[in-house]
PDB file of N, CA and C in Angstrom:
ATOM      1  N   UNK A   1       3.840 -23.086  -9.640  1.00  0.00           N
ATOM      2  CA  UNK A   1       5.107 -22.205 -10.250  1.00  0.00           C
ATOM      3  C   UNK A   1       4.732 -20.342 -10.224  1.00  0.00           C
ATOM      4  N   UNK A   2       5.878 -20.114 -10.232  1.00  0.00           N
ATOM      5  CA  UNK A   2       6.248 -18.641 -10.423  1.00  0.00           C
ATOM      6  C   UNK A   2       5.710 -18.225 -11.303  1.00  0.00           C
ATOM      7  N   UNK A   3       4.940 -16.732 -11.384  1.00  0.00           N
ATOM      8  CA  UNK A   3       4.771 -15.764 -12.594  1.00  0.00           C
ATOM      9  C   UNK A   3       5.609 -14.658 -11.758  1.00  0.00           C
ATOM     10  N   UNK A   4       7.088 -14.238 -12.583  1.00  0.00           N
ATOM     11  CA  UNK A   4       7.054 -13.028 -12.279  1.00  0.00           C
ATOM     12  C   UNK A   4       6.650 -11.620 -12.499  1.00  0.00           C
ATOM     13  N   UNK A   5       6.460 -10.837 -11.830  1.00  0.00           N
ATOM     14  CA  UNK A   5       6.192  -9.101 -12.703  1.00  0.00           C
ATOM     15  C   UNK A   5       7.281  -8.154 -12.324  1.00  0.00           C
ATOM     16  N   UNK A   6       7.732  -7.518 -13.587  1.00  0.00           N
ATOM     17  CA  UNK A   6       8.539  -6.714 -12.878  1.00  0.00           C
ATOM     18  C   UNK A   6       7.786  -5.209 -13.329  1.00  0.00           C
ATOM     19  N   UNK A   7       8.105  -4.969 -11.606  1.00  0.00           N
ATOM     20  CA  UNK A   7       7.613  -3.515 -11.082  1.00  0.00           C
ATOM     21  C   UNK A   7       8.323  -2.157 -12.077  1.00  0.00           C
ATOM     22  N   UNK A   8       7.875  -1.171 -12.269  1.00  0.00           N
ATOM     23  CA  UNK A   8       8.371  -0.016 -13.086  1.00  0.00           C
ATOM     24  C   UNK A   8       9.527   0.908 -11.860  1.00  0.00           C
ATOM     25  N   UNK A   9       9.864   0.058 -11.382  1.00  0.00           N
ATOM     26  CA  UNK A   9      11.093   0.367 -10.538  1.00  0.00           C
ATOM     27  C   UNK A   9      12.574  -0.117 -10.208  1.00  0.00           C
ATOM     28  N   UNK A  10      12.367  -1.862 -11.005  1.00  0.00           N
ATOM     29  CA  UNK A  10      12.942  -1.993 -11.419  1.00  0.00           C
ATOM     30  C   UNK A  10      13.173  -3.660 -10.461  1.00  0.00           C
ATOM     31  N   UNK A  11      12.191  -3.512  -9.766  1.00  0.00           N
ATOM     32  CA  UNK A  11      11.951  -5.023  -8.534  1.00  0.00           C
ATOM     33  C   UNK A  11      11.250  -5.844  -9.398  1.00  0.00           C
ATOM     34  N   UNK A  12      11.044  -7.452  -8.870  1.00  0.00           N
ATOM     35  CA  UNK A  12      10.022  -8.282  -9.133  1.00  0.00           C
ATOM     36  C   UNK A  12       9.232  -8.538  -8.340  1.00  0.00           C
ATOM     37  N   UNK A  13       8.375  -9.219  -8.200  1.00  0.00           N
ATOM     38  CA  UNK A  13       7.504 -10.215  -7.230  1.00  0.00           C
ATOM     39  C   UNK A  13       6.476 -11.101  -8.411  1.00  0.00           C
ATOM     40  N   UNK A  14       6.312 -11.978  -7.425  1.00  0.00           N
ATOM     41  CA  UNK A  14       5.553 -13.042  -7.862  1.00  0.00           C
ATOM     42  C   UNK A  14       4.093 -13.154  -7.421  1.00  0.00           C
ATOM     43  N   UNK A  15       3.129 -13.008  -9.258  1.00  0.00           N
ATOM     44  CA  UNK A  15       2.546 -12.708  -9.459  1.00  0.00           C
ATOM     45  C   UNK A  15       1.281 -13.104  -8.187  1.00  0.00           C
ATOM     46  N   UNK A  16       1.832 -14.698  -7.627  1.00  0.00           N
ATOM     47  CA  UNK A  16       0.991 -15.522  -7.714  1.00  0.00           C
ATOM     48  C   UNK A  16       1.407 -15.709  -5.659  1.00  0.00           C
ATOM     49  N   UNK A  17       1.838 -14.859  -5.279  1.00  0.00           N
ATOM     50  CA  UNK A  17       1.967 -14.332  -4.062  1.00  0.00           C
ATOM     51  C   UNK A  17       1.189 -13.434  -3.756  1.00  0.00           C
ATOM     52  N   UNK A  18       0.437 -12.753  -4.221  1.00  0.00           N
ATOM     53  CA  UNK A  18       0.129 -11.262  -4.131  1.00  0.00           C
ATOM     54  C   UNK A  18      -1.221 -11.823  -3.605  1.00  0.00           C
ATOM     55  N   UNK A  19      -1.278 -11.247  -2.116  1.00  0.00           N
ATOM     56  CA  UNK A  19      -2.800 -11.690  -1.398  1.00  0.00           C
ATOM     57  C   UNK A  19      -4.083 -10.288  -1.664  1.00  0.00           C
ATOM     58  N   UNK A  20      -3.536  -9.506  -1.896  1.00  0.00           N
ATOM     59  CA  UNK A  20      -4.355  -8.088  -2.093  1.00  0.00           C
ATOM     60  C   UNK A  20      -4.113  -7.018  -2.545  1.00  0.00           C
ATOM     61  N   UNK A  21      -4.961  -6.201  -3.223  1.00  0.00           N
ATOM     62  CA  UNK A  21      -4.256  -5.260  -4.285  1.00  0.00           C
ATOM     63  C   UNK A  21      -5.172  -4.066  -3.517  1.00  0.00           C
ATOM     64  N   UNK A  22      -4.837  -3.166  -3.359  1.00  0.00           N
ATOM     65  CA  UNK A  22      -5.535  -2.004  -2.577  1.00  0.00           C
ATOM     66  C   UNK A  22      -6.300  -0.715  -3.866  1.00  0.00           C
ATOM     67  N   UNK A  23      -6.893   0.234  -3.279  1.00  0.00           N
ATOM     68  CA  UNK A  23      -7.611   0.885  -4.296  1.00  0.00           C
ATOM     69  C   UNK A  23      -6.360   1.944  -5.015  1.00  0.00           C
ATOM     70  N   UNK A  24      -6.398   2.512  -6.399  1.00  0.00           N
ATOM     71  CA  UNK A  24      -5.629   3.413  -7.161  1.00  0.00           C
ATOM     72  C   UNK A  24      -5.855   4.790  -6.235  1.00  0.00           C
ATOM     73  N   UNK A  25      -4.545   5.120  -6.386  1.00  0.00           N
ATOM     74  CA  UNK A  25      -5.061   6.253  -5.554  1.00  0.00           C
ATOM     75  C   UNK A  25      -4.491   7.877  -6.249  1.00  0.00           C
ATOM     76  N   UNK A  26      -4.656   8.747  -6.592  1.00  0.00           N
ATOM     77  CA  UNK A  26      -3.936  10.056  -7.369  1.00  0.00           C
ATOM     78  C   UNK A  26      -3.248  10.988  -6.610  1.00  0.00           C
ATOM     79  N   UNK A  27      -1.898  11.761  -6.891  1.00  0.00           N
ATOM     80  CA  UNK A  27      -1.527  12.905  -5.945  1.00  0.00           C
ATOM     81  C   UNK A  27      -1.092  13.880  -7.063  1.00  0.00           C
ATOM     82  N   UNK A  28      -1.115  15.073  -6.440  1.00  0.00           N
ATOM     83  CA  UNK A  28      -0.150  15.808  -7.862  1.00  0.00           C
ATOM     84  C   UNK A  28       1.685  15.502  -7.130  1.00  0.00           C
ATOM     85  N   UNK A  29       2.125  15.600  -8.528  1.00  0.00           N
ATOM     86  CA  UNK A  29       3.791  15.183  -8.760  1.00  0.00           C
ATOM     87  C   UNK A  29       4.703  16.231  -8.922  1.00  0.00           C
ATOM     88  N   UNK A  30       5.416  17.082  -7.940  1.00  0.00           N
ATOM     89  CA  UNK A  30       5.931  18.541  -8.280  1.00  0.00           C
ATOM     90  C   UNK A  30       7.394  18.009  -8.250  1.00  0.00           C
ATOM     91  N   UNK A  31       8.604  18.518  -8.672  1.00  0.00           N
ATOM     92  CA  UNK A  31       9.921  18.099  -8.536  1.00  0.00           C
ATOM     93  C   UNK A  31      10.346  19.185  -7.586  1.00  0.00           C
ATOM     94  N   UNK A  32      11.754  19.355  -7.753  1.00  0.00           N
ATOM     95  CA  UNK A  32      12.686  19.955  -6.402  1.00  0.00           C
ATOM     96  C   UNK A  32      12.352  21.193  -6.459  1.00  0.00           C
ATOM     97  N   UNK A  33      12.140  21.611  -7.757  1.00  0.00           N
ATOM     98  CA  UNK A  33      11.956  23.380  -7.822  1.00  0.00           C
ATOM     99  C   UNK A  33      10.543  23.702  -7.619  1.00  0.00           C
ATOM    100  N   UNK A  34       9.540  22.662  -7.688  1.00  0.00           N
ATOM    101  CA  UNK A  34       8.414  22.856  -7.036  1.00  0.00           C
ATOM    102  C   UNK A  34       7.393  23.059  -8.601  1.00  0.00           C
ATOM    103  N   UNK A  35       8.067  22.625  -9.637  1.00  0.00           N
ATOM    104  CA  UNK A  35       7.335  22.808 -10.944  1.00  0.00           C
ATOM    105  C   UNK A  35       6.348  21.865 -10.975  1.00  0.00           C
ATOM    106  N   UNK A  36       5.109  21.526 -11.332  1.00  0.00           N
ATOM    107  CA  UNK A  36       4.222  20.949 -11.533  1.00  0.00           C
ATOM    108  C   UNK A  36       4.271  19.664 -12.470  1.00  0.00           C
ATOM    109  N   UNK A  37       4.528  18.288 -12.057  1.00  0.00           N
ATOM    110  CA  UNK A  37       4.916  17.546 -13.374  1.00  0.00           C
ATOM    111  C   UNK A  37       3.420  16.528 -13.605  1.00  0.00           C
ATOM    112  N   UNK A  38       2.336  17.145 -12.946  1.00  0.00           N
ATOM    113  CA  UNK A  38       0.800  16.098 -13.738  1.00  0.00           C
ATOM    114  C   UNK A  38       0.679  15.212 -12.505  1.00  0.00           C
ATOM    115  N   UNK A  39      -0.009  14.376 -13.060  1.00  0.00           N
ATOM    116  CA  UNK A  39      -0.859  13.030 -11.864  1.00  0.00           C
ATOM    117  C   UNK A  39      -0.227  12.209 -11.499  1.00  0.00           C
ATOM    118  N   UNK A  40      -0.237  11.746 -10.355  1.00  0.00           N
ATOM    119  CA  UNK A  40       1.034  10.686  -9.960  1.00  0.00           C
ATOM    120  C   UNK A  40      -0.269   9.564  -9.187  1.00  0.00           C
ATOM    121  N   UNK A  41       0.207   8.267  -9.789  1.00  0.00           N
ATOM    122  CA  UNK A  41      -0.830   7.155  -9.103  1.00  0.00           C
ATOM    123  C   UNK A  41       0.012   6.116  -8.329  1.00  0.00           C
ATOM    124  N   UNK A  42      -0.287   5.590  -7.625  1.00  0.00           N
ATOM    125  CA  UNK A  42      -0.045   4.829  -6.006  1.00  0.00           C
ATOM    126  C   UNK A  42      -1.174   4.057  -6.753  1.00  0.00           C
ATOM    127  N   UNK A  43      -0.916   2.461  -5.402  1.00  0.00           N
ATOM    128  CA  UNK A  43      -1.309   1.431  -5.223  1.00  0.00           C
ATOM    129  C   UNK A  43      -0.536   0.330  -4.733  1.00  0.00           C
ATOM    130  N   UNK A  44      -1.140  -0.080  -3.398  1.00  0.00           N
ATOM    131  CA  UNK A  44      -0.719  -0.863  -2.062  1.00  0.00           C
ATOM    132  C   UNK A  44      -1.235  -2.174  -2.469  1.00  0.00           C
ATOM    133  N   UNK A  45       0.422  -3.281  -2.610  1.00  0.00           N
ATOM    134  CA  UNK A  45       0.195  -4.608  -3.374  1.00  0.00           C
ATOM    135  C   UNK A  45       0.725  -5.286  -2.218  1.00  0.00           C
ATOM    136  N   UNK A  46      -0.014  -6.174  -1.642  1.00  0.00           N
ATOM    137  CA  UNK A  46       0.128  -6.874  -0.351  1.00  0.00           C
ATOM    138  C   UNK A  46       0.298  -8.081  -0.674  1.00  0.00           C
ATOM    139  N   UNK A  47       2.004  -8.704  -0.368  1.00  0.00           N
ATOM    140  CA  UNK A  47       2.414 -10.138  -0.429  1.00  0.00           C
ATOM    141  C   UNK A  47       2.075 -11.127   0.921  1.00  0.00           C
ATOM    142  N   UNK A  48       1.288 -10.322   1.367  1.00  0.00           N
ATOM    143  CA  UNK A  48       1.476 -11.066   3.096  1.00  0.00           C
ATOM    144  C   UNK A  48       1.084  -9.743   3.741  1.00  0.00           C
ATOM    145  N   UNK A  49       0.459  -9.894   5.527  1.00  0.00           N
ATOM    146  CA  UNK A  49      -0.533  -8.834   5.745  1.00  0.00           C
ATOM    147  C   UNK A  49       0.771  -8.087   6.999  1.00  0.00           C
ATOM    148  N   UNK A  50       1.939  -8.416   6.800  1.00  0.00           N
ATOM    149  CA  UNK A  50       3.021  -7.926   7.608  1.00  0.00           C
ATOM    150  C   UNK A  50       3.178  -6.618   6.683  1.00  0.00           C
ATOM    151  N   UNK A  51       3.327  -5.723   7.523  1.00  0.00           N
ATOM    152  CA  UNK A  51       4.037  -4.435   6.973  1.00  0.00           C
ATOM    153  C   UNK A  51       5.217  -4.682   5.969  1.00  0.00           C
ATOM    154  N   UNK A  52       6.247  -5.428   6.060  1.00  0.00           N
ATOM    155  CA  UNK A  52       7.383  -5.578   5.223  1.00  0.00           C
ATOM    156  C   UNK A  52       7.098  -6.226   4.317  1.00  0.00           C
ATOM    157  N   UNK A  53       5.709  -7.039   4.153  1.00  0.00           N
ATOM    158  CA  UNK A  53       5.348  -7.577   2.560  1.00  0.00           C
ATOM    159  C   UNK A  53       4.532  -6.714   1.993  1.00  0.00           C
ATOM    160  N   UNK A  54       4.785  -5.605   2.232  1.00  0.00           N
ATOM    161  CA  UNK A  54       3.628  -4.861   1.496  1.00  0.00           C
ATOM    162  C   UNK A  54       4.071  -3.875   0.791  1.00  0.00           C
ATOM    163  N   UNK A  55       4.068  -3.634  -0.712  1.00  0.00           N
ATOM    164  CA  UNK A  55       4.619  -3.071  -1.306  1.00  0.00           C
ATOM    165  C   UNK A  55       3.464  -1.756  -2.101  1.00  0.00           C
ATOM    166  N   UNK A  56       4.147  -0.402  -2.206  1.00  0.00           N
ATOM    167  CA  UNK A  56       3.781   1.150  -2.827  1.00  0.00           C
ATOM    168  C   UNK A  56       4.243   0.660  -4.273  1.00  0.00           C
ATOM    169  N   UNK A  57       3.037   0.971  -4.768  1.00  0.00           N
ATOM    170  CA  UNK A  57       3.496   0.807  -6.536  1.00  0.00           C
ATOM    171  C   UNK A  57       3.436   2.703  -6.282  1.00  0.00           C
ATOM    172  N   UNK A  58       4.567   3.316  -7.041  1.00  0.00           N
ATOM    173  CA  UNK A  58       4.155   5.144  -7.651  1.00  0.00           C
ATOM    174  C   UNK A  58       4.895   5.271  -8.927  1.00  0.00           C
ATOM    175  N   UNK A  59       3.781   5.085  -9.657  1.00  0.00           N
ATOM    176  CA  UNK A  59       4.019   5.951 -11.144  1.00  0.00           C
ATOM    177  C   UNK A  59       3.202   6.395 -11.836  1.00  0.00           C
ATOM    178  N   UNK A  60       3.403   6.093 -13.196  1.00  0.00           N
ATOM    179  CA  UNK A  60       2.583   7.168 -14.222  1.00  0.00           C
ATOM    180  C   UNK A  60       1.341   6.534 -14.416  1.00  0.00           C
ATOM    181  N   UNK A  61      -0.003   6.360 -14.794  1.00  0.00           N
ATOM    182  CA  UNK A  61      -1.359   6.390 -15.184  1.00  0.00           C
ATOM    183  C   UNK A  61      -0.926   4.317 -16.028  1.00  0.00           C
ATOM    184  N   UNK A  62      -0.276   5.020 -17.165  1.00  0.00           N
ATOM    185  CA  UNK A  62      -0.117   4.120 -17.602  1.00  0.00           C
ATOM    186  C   UNK A  62       0.678   2.827 -17.692  1.00  0.00           C
ATOM    187  N   UNK A  63       1.726   2.851 -16.647  1.00  0.00           N
ATOM    188  CA  UNK A  63       2.670   2.195 -16.058  1.00  0.00           C
ATOM    189  C   UNK A  63       2.159   1.087 -14.643  1.00  0.00           C
ATOM    190  N   UNK A  64       1.396   2.369 -13.715  1.00  0.00           N
ATOM    191  CA  UNK A  64       0.531   1.398 -13.023  1.00  0.00           C
ATOM    192  C   UNK A  64      -0.240   0.719 -13.540  1.00  0.00           C
ATOM    193  N   UNK A  65      -1.450   1.106 -14.963  1.00  0.00           N
ATOM    194  CA  UNK A  65      -2.415  -0.143 -15.541  1.00  0.00           C
ATOM    195  C   UNK A  65      -1.874  -1.376 -15.653  1.00  0.00           C
ATOM    196  N   UNK A  66      -0.307  -1.377 -16.711  1.00  0.00           N
ATOM    197  CA  UNK A  66       0.298  -1.845 -17.040  1.00  0.00           C
ATOM    198  C   UNK A  66       0.385  -3.329 -16.069  1.00  0.00           C
ATOM    199  N   UNK A  67       0.801  -3.085 -15.078  1.00  0.00           N
ATOM    200  CA  UNK A  67       1.581  -3.567 -13.877  1.00  0.00           C
ATOM    201  C   UNK A  67      -0.021  -4.611 -13.315  1.00  0.00           C
ATOM    202  N   UNK A  68      -1.194  -3.586 -12.673  1.00  0.00           N
ATOM    203  CA  UNK A  68      -2.100  -4.358 -12.612  1.00  0.00           C
ATOM    204  C   UNK A  68      -3.025  -5.266 -13.565  1.00  0.00           C
ATOM    205  N   UNK A  69      -2.836  -4.835 -14.369  1.00  0.00           N
ATOM    206  CA  UNK A  69      -3.363  -5.953 -15.677  1.00  0.00           C
ATOM    207  C   UNK A  69      -2.365  -7.191 -15.814  1.00  0.00           C
ATOM    208  N   UNK A  70      -0.588  -7.098 -15.697  1.00  0.00           N
ATOM    209  CA  UNK A  70      -0.336  -7.946 -15.773  1.00  0.00           C
ATOM    210  C   UNK A  70      -0.634  -9.456 -14.674  1.00  0.00           C
ATOM    211  N   UNK A  71      -0.478  -8.857 -13.190  1.00  0.00           N
ATOM    212  CA  UNK A  71      -1.136  -9.273 -11.896  1.00  0.00           C
ATOM    213  C   UNK A  71      -2.709  -9.901 -12.130  1.00  0.00           C
ATOM    214  N   UNK A  72      -3.314  -9.479 -13.084  1.00  0.00           N
ATOM    215  CA  UNK A  72      -4.902 -10.217 -13.168  1.00  0.00           C
ATOM    216  C   UNK A  72      -4.139 -10.869 -14.023  1.00  0.00           C
ATOM    217  N   UNK A  73      -3.547 -10.850 -14.839  1.00  0.00           N
ATOM    218  CA  UNK A  73      -3.616 -11.959 -16.053  1.00  0.00           C
ATOM    219  C   UNK A  73      -3.821 -11.518 -17.257  1.00  0.00           C
ATOM    220  N   UNK A  74      -4.062 -10.367 -17.517  1.00  0.00           N
ATOM    221  CA  UNK A  74      -4.233  -9.712 -18.710  1.00  0.00           C
ATOM    222  C   UNK A  74      -2.714  -9.893 -19.656  1.00  0.00           C
ATOM    223  N   UNK A  75      -2.778 -10.005 -20.969  1.00  0.00           N
ATOM    224  CA  UNK A  75      -1.502 -10.734 -21.568  1.00  0.00           C
ATOM    225  C   UNK A  75      -1.120  -8.552 -21.906  1.00  0.00           C
ATOM    226  N   UNK A  76      -0.096  -8.500 -21.680  1.00  0.00           N
ATOM    227  CA  UNK A  76       1.165  -7.307 -21.553  1.00  0.00           C
ATOM    228  C   UNK A  76       0.704  -6.741 -22.739  1.00  0.00           C
ATOM    229  N   UNK A  77       0.666  -5.332 -23.065  1.00  0.00           N
ATOM    230  CA  UNK A  77       1.398  -4.493 -24.519  1.00  0.00           C
ATOM    231  C   UNK A  77       2.472  -5.184 -25.134  1.00  0.00           C
ATOM    232  N   UNK A  78       2.006  -5.265 -26.198  1.00  0.00           N
ATOM    233  CA  UNK A  78       3.336  -4.956 -27.063  1.00  0.00           C
ATOM    234  C   UNK A  78       4.042  -3.952 -27.188  1.00  0.00           C
ATOM    235  N   UNK A  79       5.691  -4.140 -26.824  1.00  0.00           N
ATOM    236  CA  UNK A  79       6.369  -2.600 -26.787  1.00  0.00           C
ATOM    237  C   UNK A  79       6.824  -2.390 -27.745  1.00  0.00           C
ATOM    238  N   UNK A  80       6.548  -1.212 -28.058  1.00  0.00           N
ATOM    239  CA  UNK A  80       6.562  -0.752 -29.231  1.00  0.00           C
ATOM    240  C   UNK A  80       7.001   1.060 -29.670  1.00  0.00           C
TER     241      UNK A  80
END
């Protein structure tokens, strides 16, 4: 049975195909003009071992944590 997870960039991934989840890393975000946009978060998600089967999820803290909770089977927070 497929369990589709929507990523913040609009793509979908089948949570049952995920083989590994990398370490969550942080990076400084800036816009085109060099203004500080705060802390960004990214995590690598792999549905296979080949490079084409790896996804790098880059978003804000809340978005990354929400996707990871969905992948790991926790109920999604209520939209509001």
